[in-house]
Amino acid sequence: MLQKQKILIIGSGGREHAVGWKVAQYERAGDLYFAPGNAGTLELGTNVSISATDIAKLVEFAQKEKIDLTLALPDDPLALGIVDAFQVEGLRIWGPTKGAAELEWSKAYAKDFMKRHSIPTAKYEVFTDFKKAKMYVEKGSLPIVIKASGLALGKGVTVAQTKEEALKTLEDVLINKIFGNAGNEVVIEEYLDGIEISAHAISDGQSWKMFPPSQDHKRIFDGNVGPNTGGMGVIAPPPFVGSAMMKKIEKEIVKPTIEGMAKEGRPFVGILYPGIMLTKEGPKVFEFNARFGDPETQTYMRLLDTDLLDIVDASIDGKISDLKIKWKENTFACNIALASGGYPGTYEKGNIISGIVEAGMQTDVVIFHAGTKVVRQDLTTNGGRVLGVSAIGGSMKEALEKAYRAIEKIKFEGMQYRKDIGQSALEIKKI
């Protein structure tokens, strides 16, 4: 008889709900715990009121409950060294160590790493001094990209179209500290012109396997305008990305990254997720993430045909090269975020959500919760991105149509979402 495992999933977003949803489908998944979870994860297991960044309490909980496996999914706990802390106590956990995750939590480190290992990326300089950064911007060309080096919830990047905007951004980050310590250091980069896609690879520190490509839509409004968000919708795989391009990304970006991290004594175990710009000169990295993307995960979980726990085990145990990962054939997925009014700025919480059951009854649709909470039996909003409406289909067009039909059933005060997710991808010729 198969041994059931007690599994702890760290985080509270759509990514964590999607991973829990996938894990729950397999026989050896026993009790599922989410710390802190959301209203959707409550339907799969037990929510534990411990913050994703309270490492000491999470270790204590895992010991007390005899957790067999912990999945560390968000960036913040990885940056704080949750994997190292669990490993010291002999607890089984999946994710990169603090040293390996520095690829994400320090953009300055990531840029220097790419330079050392000849990984294609934008030209850049790193600054801690406002006056020096200002002088650099004043001499540079436009548009220019300014990034807070640390973690800023996906909002620490500005593409400045004017010198005034660039200087105001520098002032906000380095002097006014709008991102706190994440902005102690800024990376100033040349602007990369091209098409943005997400690549994901799972690694055991030595070997890796590629996931299909995906494409996130970061800006809040249709037409890709407005401020950056954590992601308003994603498609996978984008119909325009060919297998030759993915082999190029693997050879020029993923391979030297995994091998470089191993050489530098920081073997990367977990999901390596480079954000990639397809430029005229070829694919270039504009950022590294050291974990599953959100909302990319929601589409991957819909397309994956291999037991996710088998993949995680192979990653932890150094057996990725032995693993064959199966994906649904001739299938496309999308995930569209429904956000609170005002997001990514100030937004209300506590608005009642209706129509979610009806939406989830639509063919090939699964609703993933992100910022949700149950208050006196009512499902309410509790975050910027509230829900992710995912769908699969035999074509990208079909998947998108199913998702948008389901969205029509859902209502909450101030609800906003992009109506053009995936549209430009349908018009791009294969690359």
Protein backbone atom coordinates (compact mmCIF):
# COMPACT_ATOMS: atom_id res chain seq x y z
CA MET A 1 0.00 0.00 0.00
CA LEU A 2 1.22 3.50 -0.94
CA GLN A 3 2.49 5.58 1.98
CA LYS A 4 0.44 8.79 2.24
CA GLN A 5 2.53 11.92 2.72
CA LYS A 6 1.81 14.97 4.85
CA ILE A 7 2.65 17.97 2.66
CA LEU A 8 3.09 21.62 3.63
CA ILE A 9 2.75 24.26 0.88
CA ILE A 10 4.14 27.69 1.73
CA GLY A 11 2.30 30.73 0.33
CA SER A 12 -1.16 32.19 -0.18
CA GLY A 13 -1.58 32.97 -3.88
CA GLY A 14 -2.92 31.46 -7.06
CA ARG A 15 0.35 29.60 -7.58
CA GLU A 16 -0.02 27.82 -4.23
CA HIS A 17 -3.67 26.93 -4.89
CA ALA A 18 -2.75 25.53 -8.33
CA VAL A 19 0.14 23.44 -6.95
CA GLY A 20 -2.10 22.14 -4.14
CA TRP A 21 -4.85 21.34 -6.67
CA LYS A 22 -2.37 19.31 -8.73
CA VAL A 23 -0.76 17.53 -5.76
CA ALA A 24 -4.19 16.55 -4.38
CA GLN A 25 -4.91 14.54 -7.55
CA TYR A 26 -2.26 11.94 -6.76
CA GLU A 27 -2.68 8.92 -4.55
CA ARG A 28 0.21 9.46 -2.17
CA ALA A 29 -0.88 12.98 -1.22
CA GLY A 30 -2.20 12.68 2.31
CA ASP A 31 -2.99 15.68 4.51
CA LEU A 32 -2.27 19.01 2.78
CA TYR A 33 -1.39 22.11 4.80
CA PHE A 34 -1.10 25.65 3.44
CA ALA A 35 0.72 28.43 5.28
CA PRO A 36 -1.11 30.74 5.23
CA GLY A 37 -3.27 29.69 2.22
CA ASN A 38 -6.50 31.29 0.97
CA ALA A 39 -10.19 30.43 0.59
CA GLY A 40 -9.43 28.08 -2.33
CA THR A 41 -6.78 26.08 -0.51
CA LEU A 42 -9.28 25.51 2.31
CA GLU A 43 -11.15 23.18 -0.06
CA LEU A 44 -8.01 21.03 -0.47
CA GLY A 45 -6.63 20.88 3.06
CA THR A 46 -5.93 22.89 6.20
CA ASN A 47 -4.87 26.54 6.27
CA VAL A 48 -2.29 27.30 8.95
CA SER A 49 -2.16 30.89 10.19
CA ILE A 50 1.61 31.25 9.92
CA SER A 51 3.09 33.88 7.60
CA ALA A 52 5.16 32.58 4.66
CA THR A 53 8.10 34.58 6.05
CA ASP A 54 7.93 33.33 9.67
CA ILE A 55 10.63 30.71 9.14
CA ALA A 56 11.05 29.70 12.80
CA LYS A 57 7.31 29.01 13.22
CA LEU A 58 7.16 27.08 9.94
CA VAL A 59 10.07 24.86 11.03
CA GLU A 60 8.37 24.29 14.38
CA PHE A 61 5.06 23.41 12.67
CA ALA A 62 6.75 20.97 10.27
CA GLN A 63 8.48 19.23 13.18
CA LYS A 64 5.38 19.07 15.37
CA GLU A 65 3.09 17.78 12.57
CA LYS A 66 5.77 15.40 11.20
CA ILE A 67 5.48 16.92 7.71
CA ASP A 68 7.02 14.62 5.07
CA LEU A 69 7.58 17.28 2.41
CA THR A 70 7.47 21.10 2.30
CA LEU A 71 7.15 23.03 -0.96
CA ALA A 72 8.66 26.52 -0.62
CA LEU A 73 6.99 28.43 -3.47
CA PRO A 74 7.15 32.25 -2.95
CA ASP A 75 10.26 34.42 -3.38
CA ASP A 76 10.35 36.03 0.09
CA PRO A 77 10.83 32.86 2.21
CA LEU A 78 13.43 31.59 -0.28
CA ALA A 79 15.33 34.89 0.06
CA LEU A 80 15.18 34.51 3.86
CA GLY A 81 16.75 31.04 3.69
CA ILE A 82 13.74 28.81 4.47
CA VAL A 83 15.35 25.88 2.62
CA ASP A 84 18.59 26.20 4.62
CA ALA A 85 16.63 26.43 7.91
CA PHE A 86 14.59 23.27 7.15
CA GLN A 87 17.63 21.34 5.95
CA VAL A 88 19.55 22.14 9.17
CA GLU A 89 16.71 20.43 11.08
CA GLY A 90 16.72 17.42 8.74
CA LEU A 91 13.34 18.35 7.23
CA ARG A 92 12.63 17.50 3.58
CA ILE A 93 11.96 20.68 1.61
CA TRP A 94 11.92 21.62 -2.07
CA GLY A 95 13.37 24.88 -3.37
CA PRO A 96 16.71 26.65 -3.81
CA THR A 97 18.90 27.60 -0.86
CA LYS A 98 19.31 31.27 0.06
CA GLY A 99 22.61 31.33 -1.87
CA ALA A 100 21.06 29.86 -5.03
CA ALA A 101 17.95 32.07 -4.75
CA GLU A 102 20.18 35.18 -4.82
CA LEU A 103 19.69 35.00 -8.60
CA GLU A 104 16.26 36.47 -7.81
CA TRP A 105 16.64 38.44 -4.59
CA SER A 106 19.61 40.48 -5.84
CA LYS A 107 19.32 41.80 -9.38
CA ALA A 108 22.86 43.18 -9.00
CA TYR A 109 24.18 39.67 -8.20
CA ALA A 110 22.21 38.18 -11.12
CA LYS A 111 23.62 40.71 -13.60
CA ASP A 112 27.20 40.12 -12.44
CA PHE A 113 26.62 36.34 -12.60
CA MET A 114 25.40 36.64 -16.20
CA LYS A 115 28.44 38.72 -17.11
CA ARG A 116 30.77 36.08 -15.58
CA HIS A 117 29.10 33.25 -17.47
CA SER A 118 28.48 35.03 -20.80
CA ILE A 119 24.69 34.73 -20.52
CA PRO A 120 22.97 37.18 -22.92
CA THR A 121 21.39 40.13 -21.06
CA ALA A 122 21.01 43.91 -21.30
CA LYS A 123 24.02 46.19 -20.74
CA TYR A 124 23.89 47.57 -17.19
CA GLU A 125 25.48 49.41 -14.27
CA VAL A 126 24.79 49.05 -10.52
CA PHE A 127 24.51 52.05 -8.17
CA THR A 128 24.01 52.74 -4.47
CA ASP A 129 24.78 56.46 -4.73
CA PHE A 130 22.01 58.74 -6.04
CA LYS A 131 24.37 61.38 -7.50
CA LYS A 132 26.38 58.82 -9.48
CA ALA A 133 23.19 57.14 -10.73
CA LYS A 134 21.80 60.54 -11.73
CA MET A 135 24.95 61.39 -13.73
CA TYR A 136 24.76 58.01 -15.51
CA VAL A 137 21.09 58.55 -16.46
CA GLU A 138 21.72 62.10 -17.67
CA LYS A 139 24.38 60.82 -20.09
CA GLY A 140 22.38 57.71 -21.18
CA SER A 141 19.88 57.17 -23.99
CA LEU A 142 16.11 56.64 -23.70
CA PRO A 143 14.07 54.66 -22.87
CA ILE A 144 16.09 53.43 -19.88
CA VAL A 145 15.24 50.68 -17.37
CA ILE A 146 15.63 51.24 -13.61
CA LYS A 147 15.26 48.33 -11.19
CA ALA A 148 15.32 48.10 -7.42
CA SER A 149 17.88 45.32 -6.86
CA GLY A 150 15.88 43.53 -4.13
CA LEU A 151 12.41 41.95 -4.06
CA ALA A 152 9.58 44.43 -4.66
CA LEU A 153 6.50 42.24 -5.41
CA GLY A 154 7.11 42.50 -9.16
CA LYS A 155 6.71 46.28 -9.00
CA GLY A 156 10.33 47.43 -8.67
CA VAL A 157 10.95 47.96 -12.40
CA THR A 158 10.41 51.22 -14.30
CA VAL A 159 10.88 51.71 -18.02
CA ALA A 160 11.50 55.47 -18.08
CA GLN A 161 10.59 57.21 -21.32
CA THR A 162 11.98 60.61 -20.26
CA LYS A 163 14.98 61.82 -18.24
CA GLU A 164 12.54 63.43 -15.76
CA GLU A 165 10.77 60.10 -15.18
CA ALA A 166 14.12 58.32 -14.76
CA LEU A 167 15.40 60.85 -12.21
CA LYS A 168 12.12 60.78 -10.26
CA THR A 169 12.31 56.96 -10.14
CA LEU A 170 15.90 57.10 -8.84
CA GLU A 171 14.85 59.59 -6.18
CA ASP A 172 11.86 57.46 -5.16
CA VAL A 173 13.92 54.27 -4.90
CA LEU A 174 17.28 55.45 -3.51
CA ILE A 175 16.22 58.46 -1.41
CA ASN A 176 12.49 58.13 -0.60
CA LYS A 177 12.88 54.34 -0.14
CA ILE A 178 9.49 53.44 -1.64
CA PHE A 179 10.67 49.80 -1.78
CA GLY A 180 12.48 49.92 1.59
CA ASN A 181 15.77 48.01 1.70
CA ALA A 182 15.00 46.40 -1.68
CA GLY A 183 15.99 49.76 -3.15
CA ASN A 184 19.35 50.20 -1.36
CA GLU A 185 20.91 49.33 -4.70
CA VAL A 186 19.60 50.01 -8.23
CA VAL A 187 20.40 48.37 -11.53
CA ILE A 188 20.21 50.70 -14.55
CA GLU A 189 19.92 48.86 -17.86
CA GLU A 190 19.61 49.48 -21.55
CA TYR A 191 16.06 48.97 -22.81
CA LEU A 192 15.56 45.63 -24.58
CA ASP A 193 13.17 45.79 -27.50
CA GLY A 194 11.38 42.57 -28.37
CA ILE A 195 8.75 40.05 -27.28
CA GLU A 196 8.68 38.93 -23.65
CA ILE A 197 8.24 35.26 -22.70
CA SER A 198 8.75 33.15 -19.58
CA ALA A 199 10.94 30.03 -19.54
CA HIS A 200 10.90 27.49 -16.70
CA ALA A 201 13.31 24.64 -16.03
CA ILE A 202 13.38 22.21 -13.12
CA SER A 203 16.84 21.37 -11.80
CA ASP A 204 18.45 19.08 -9.24
CA GLY A 205 21.60 21.20 -9.12
CA GLN A 206 23.34 19.34 -11.97
CA SER A 207 20.71 18.33 -14.55
CA TRP A 208 17.54 20.04 -15.69
CA LYS A 209 14.38 19.54 -17.76
CA MET A 210 12.64 22.33 -19.66
CA PHE A 211 8.97 23.20 -19.28
CA PRO A 212 6.97 24.55 -22.24
CA PRO A 213 7.31 28.32 -22.72
CA SER A 214 4.63 30.70 -21.43
CA GLN A 215 3.84 34.39 -21.81
CA ASP A 216 2.74 36.63 -18.94
CA HIS A 217 1.00 40.00 -19.39
CA LYS A 218 2.43 42.24 -16.68
CA ARG A 219 0.79 45.62 -17.21
CA ILE A 220 -2.58 46.39 -15.67
CA PHE A 221 -4.48 47.67 -18.71
CA ASP A 222 -5.40 46.38 -22.18
CA GLY A 223 -2.85 47.17 -24.85
CA ASN A 224 -0.06 46.52 -22.36
CA VAL A 225 -0.19 49.98 -20.80
CA GLY A 226 -0.23 51.22 -17.21
CA PRO A 227 1.89 50.16 -14.23
CA ASN A 228 3.48 46.74 -13.82
CA THR A 229 1.65 44.14 -11.73
CA GLY A 230 2.49 40.65 -10.52
CA GLY A 231 0.86 39.40 -13.76
CA MET A 232 -2.64 39.91 -15.21
CA GLY A 233 -2.82 36.81 -17.34
CA VAL A 234 -0.74 34.12 -18.99
CA ILE A 235 -0.85 31.76 -21.94
CA ALA A 236 1.10 28.51 -22.41
CA PRO A 237 2.58 27.61 -24.75
CA PRO A 238 2.61 30.79 -26.87
CA PRO A 239 1.83 29.56 -30.42
CA PHE A 240 4.64 31.69 -31.92
CA VAL A 241 7.54 30.11 -29.96
CA GLY A 242 9.08 27.24 -31.92
CA SER A 243 11.16 24.31 -30.64
CA ALA A 244 14.36 25.74 -32.18
CA MET A 245 13.97 28.90 -30.07
CA MET A 246 13.43 26.83 -26.90
CA LYS A 247 16.60 24.79 -27.67
CA LYS A 248 18.50 28.08 -28.07
CA ILE A 249 17.18 29.35 -24.72
CA GLU A 250 18.16 26.06 -23.07
CA LYS A 251 21.67 26.10 -24.57
CA GLU A 252 22.51 29.81 -24.15
CA ILE A 253 20.67 30.60 -20.91
CA VAL A 254 19.50 27.62 -18.82
CA LYS A 255 22.56 25.36 -19.30
CA PRO A 256 25.22 28.00 -18.41
CA THR A 257 23.10 29.17 -15.45
CA ILE A 258 22.69 25.71 -13.85
CA GLU A 259 26.31 24.79 -14.60
CA GLY A 260 27.59 28.19 -13.43
CA MET A 261 25.71 28.01 -10.13
CA ALA A 262 27.11 24.50 -9.50
CA LYS A 263 30.66 25.70 -10.27
CA GLU A 264 30.28 28.61 -7.86
CA GLY A 265 29.23 26.28 -5.03
CA ARG A 266 25.54 27.26 -5.09
CA PRO A 267 23.85 24.30 -6.83
CA PHE A 268 20.38 25.37 -7.95
CA VAL A 269 17.68 22.92 -6.83
CA GLY A 270 14.11 23.84 -7.79
CA ILE A 271 12.57 25.94 -10.56
CA LEU A 272 14.79 28.31 -12.51
CA TYR A 273 12.59 30.85 -14.26
CA PRO A 274 14.37 33.35 -16.49
CA GLY A 275 12.23 36.16 -17.89
CA ILE A 276 13.32 36.39 -21.52
CA MET A 277 13.13 39.08 -24.19
CA LEU A 278 13.21 37.74 -27.74
CA THR A 279 15.28 40.49 -29.39
CA LYS A 280 16.62 40.83 -32.94
CA GLU A 281 20.00 39.63 -31.60
CA GLY A 282 18.40 36.55 -29.99
CA PRO A 283 16.97 35.69 -26.54
CA LYS A 284 18.23 37.80 -23.62
CA VAL A 285 17.50 37.51 -19.87
CA PHE A 286 15.88 40.57 -18.32
CA GLU A 287 15.45 38.95 -14.88
CA PHE A 288 15.86 35.67 -13.03
CA ASN A 289 13.27 34.14 -10.72
CA ALA A 290 14.16 31.28 -8.40
CA ARG A 291 10.69 29.69 -8.24
CA PHE A 292 7.52 29.01 -10.22
CA GLY A 293 5.97 32.12 -11.74
CA ASP A 294 2.53 33.30 -10.73
CA PRO A 295 0.36 33.17 -12.93
CA GLU A 296 2.50 30.83 -15.11
CA THR A 297 2.11 27.96 -12.62
CA GLN A 298 -1.65 27.97 -13.07
CA THR A 299 -1.25 27.10 -16.76
CA TYR A 300 1.53 24.55 -16.17
CA MET A 301 -0.58 22.66 -13.64
CA ARG A 302 -3.38 22.43 -16.25
CA LEU A 303 -0.99 21.05 -18.90
CA LEU A 304 1.13 18.71 -16.76
CA ASP A 305 0.50 14.97 -17.15
CA THR A 306 3.22 13.68 -14.79
CA ASP A 307 2.80 13.40 -11.01
CA LEU A 308 4.13 16.69 -9.64
CA LEU A 309 5.43 14.90 -6.53
CA ASP A 310 7.55 12.60 -8.73
CA ILE A 311 9.08 15.70 -10.33
CA VAL A 312 9.76 17.32 -6.93
CA ASP A 313 11.33 14.11 -5.58
CA ALA A 314 13.61 13.82 -8.62
CA SER A 315 14.69 17.44 -8.10
CA ILE A 316 15.49 16.93 -4.40
CA ASP A 317 17.17 13.53 -4.91
CA GLY A 318 19.40 14.45 -7.89
CA LYS A 319 17.50 12.28 -10.36
CA ILE A 320 16.12 14.80 -12.88
CA SER A 321 18.06 13.22 -15.76
CA ASP A 322 16.14 9.92 -15.18
CA LEU A 323 12.75 11.66 -15.31
CA LYS A 324 10.43 11.95 -18.30
CA ILE A 325 7.95 14.79 -17.88
CA LYS A 326 4.75 14.38 -19.89
CA TRP A 327 2.57 17.27 -21.04
CA LYS A 328 -0.94 17.16 -22.51
CA GLU A 329 -0.56 16.91 -26.27
CA ASN A 330 -2.11 19.49 -28.64
CA THR A 331 -3.42 21.44 -25.65
CA PHE A 332 -3.15 25.13 -24.79
CA ALA A 333 -3.85 26.81 -21.45
CA CYS A 334 -4.55 30.31 -20.20
CA ASN A 335 -5.08 31.92 -16.81
CA ILE A 336 -6.70 35.35 -16.51
CA ALA A 337 -6.40 37.36 -13.30
CA LEU A 338 -9.42 39.12 -11.80
CA ALA A 339 -8.09 41.99 -9.70
CA SER A 340 -9.43 44.44 -7.14
CA GLY A 341 -10.24 47.98 -8.26
CA GLY A 342 -7.20 50.22 -7.76
CA TYR A 343 -4.65 47.37 -8.05
CA PRO A 344 -1.62 47.57 -8.32
CA GLY A 345 -2.04 50.71 -6.20
CA THR A 346 -4.35 51.02 -3.17
CA TYR A 347 -7.36 48.70 -3.25
CA GLU A 348 -10.28 47.65 -1.04
CA LYS A 349 -10.56 44.28 0.67
CA GLY A 350 -13.68 42.53 1.92
CA ASN A 351 -15.93 42.78 -1.17
CA ILE A 352 -18.26 39.78 -1.60
CA ILE A 353 -17.55 37.53 -4.62
CA SER A 354 -20.42 35.84 -6.44
CA GLY A 355 -20.75 33.45 -9.40
CA ILE A 356 -17.64 31.41 -8.74
CA VAL A 357 -19.48 28.05 -8.62
CA GLU A 358 -21.23 28.74 -11.94
CA ALA A 359 -17.94 29.83 -13.52
CA GLY A 360 -16.17 26.68 -12.33
CA MET A 361 -18.90 24.51 -13.90
CA GLN A 362 -17.94 25.68 -17.41
CA THR A 363 -16.19 23.06 -19.59
CA ASP A 364 -12.41 22.83 -19.07
CA VAL A 365 -12.39 25.74 -16.59
CA VAL A 366 -10.73 25.70 -13.15
CA ILE A 367 -10.81 28.73 -10.86
CA PHE A 368 -7.70 29.33 -8.77
CA HIS A 369 -7.98 31.56 -5.71
CA ALA A 370 -5.33 34.20 -4.94
CA GLY A 371 -6.49 37.07 -2.68
CA THR A 372 -9.63 35.49 -1.18
CA LYS A 373 -10.95 34.90 2.33
CA VAL A 374 -14.09 33.41 3.87
CA VAL A 375 -15.82 35.86 6.21
CA ARG A 376 -18.99 34.61 7.94
CA GLN A 377 -19.58 32.07 5.15
CA ASP A 378 -19.16 34.72 2.42
CA LEU A 379 -16.30 34.49 -0.06
CA THR A 380 -14.62 37.92 -0.06
CA THR A 381 -11.71 39.71 -1.71
CA ASN A 382 -8.50 39.80 0.31
CA GLY A 383 -5.77 40.95 -2.08
CA GLY A 384 -4.82 42.77 -5.28
CA ARG A 385 -5.12 39.78 -7.57
CA VAL A 386 -8.24 37.97 -6.37
CA LEU A 387 -8.87 35.01 -8.69
CA GLY A 388 -7.31 33.30 -11.68
CA VAL A 389 -9.70 31.88 -14.25
CA SER A 390 -7.89 29.08 -16.11
CA ALA A 391 -9.01 27.11 -19.15
CA ILE A 392 -7.57 24.60 -21.61
CA GLY A 393 -8.42 23.98 -25.26
CA GLY A 394 -7.21 22.43 -28.50
CA SER A 395 -6.13 25.89 -29.64
CA MET A 396 -5.11 29.05 -27.77
CA LYS A 397 -8.17 30.83 -29.17
CA GLU A 398 -10.47 28.11 -27.79
CA ALA A 399 -8.85 28.17 -24.32
CA LEU A 400 -9.18 31.97 -24.14
CA GLU A 401 -12.83 31.91 -25.25
CA LYS A 402 -13.67 29.38 -22.50
CA ALA A 403 -11.94 31.48 -19.83
CA TYR A 404 -13.62 34.73 -20.86
CA ARG A 405 -17.06 33.02 -20.97
CA ALA A 406 -16.49 31.82 -17.39
CA ILE A 407 -15.42 35.30 -16.25
CA GLU A 408 -18.85 36.66 -17.28
CA LYS A 409 -20.37 34.66 -14.37
CA ILE A 410 -18.12 36.18 -11.67
CA LYS A 411 -18.81 39.49 -9.93
CA PHE A 412 -17.36 41.57 -7.11
CA GLU A 413 -17.29 45.30 -6.55
CA GLY A 414 -14.41 47.01 -8.40
CA MET A 415 -13.47 43.86 -10.36
CA GLN A 416 -11.01 44.58 -13.17
CA TYR A 417 -9.32 42.33 -15.69
CA ARG A 418 -7.63 42.52 -19.05
CA LYS A 419 -9.79 41.68 -22.05
CA ASP A 420 -6.85 41.17 -24.42
CA ILE A 421 -4.84 38.34 -22.83
CA GLY A 422 -3.19 36.27 -25.55
CA GLN A 423 -4.54 38.38 -28.42
CA SER A 424 -1.19 39.68 -29.68
CA ALA A 425 0.27 36.16 -29.42
CA LEU A 426 -2.29 34.92 -31.95
CA GLU A 427 -1.03 37.47 -34.49
CA ILE A 428 2.77 36.90 -34.16
CA LYS A 429 4.48 34.71 -36.74
CA LYS A 430 6.42 31.70 -35.42
CA ILE A 431 9.88 32.56 -34.05
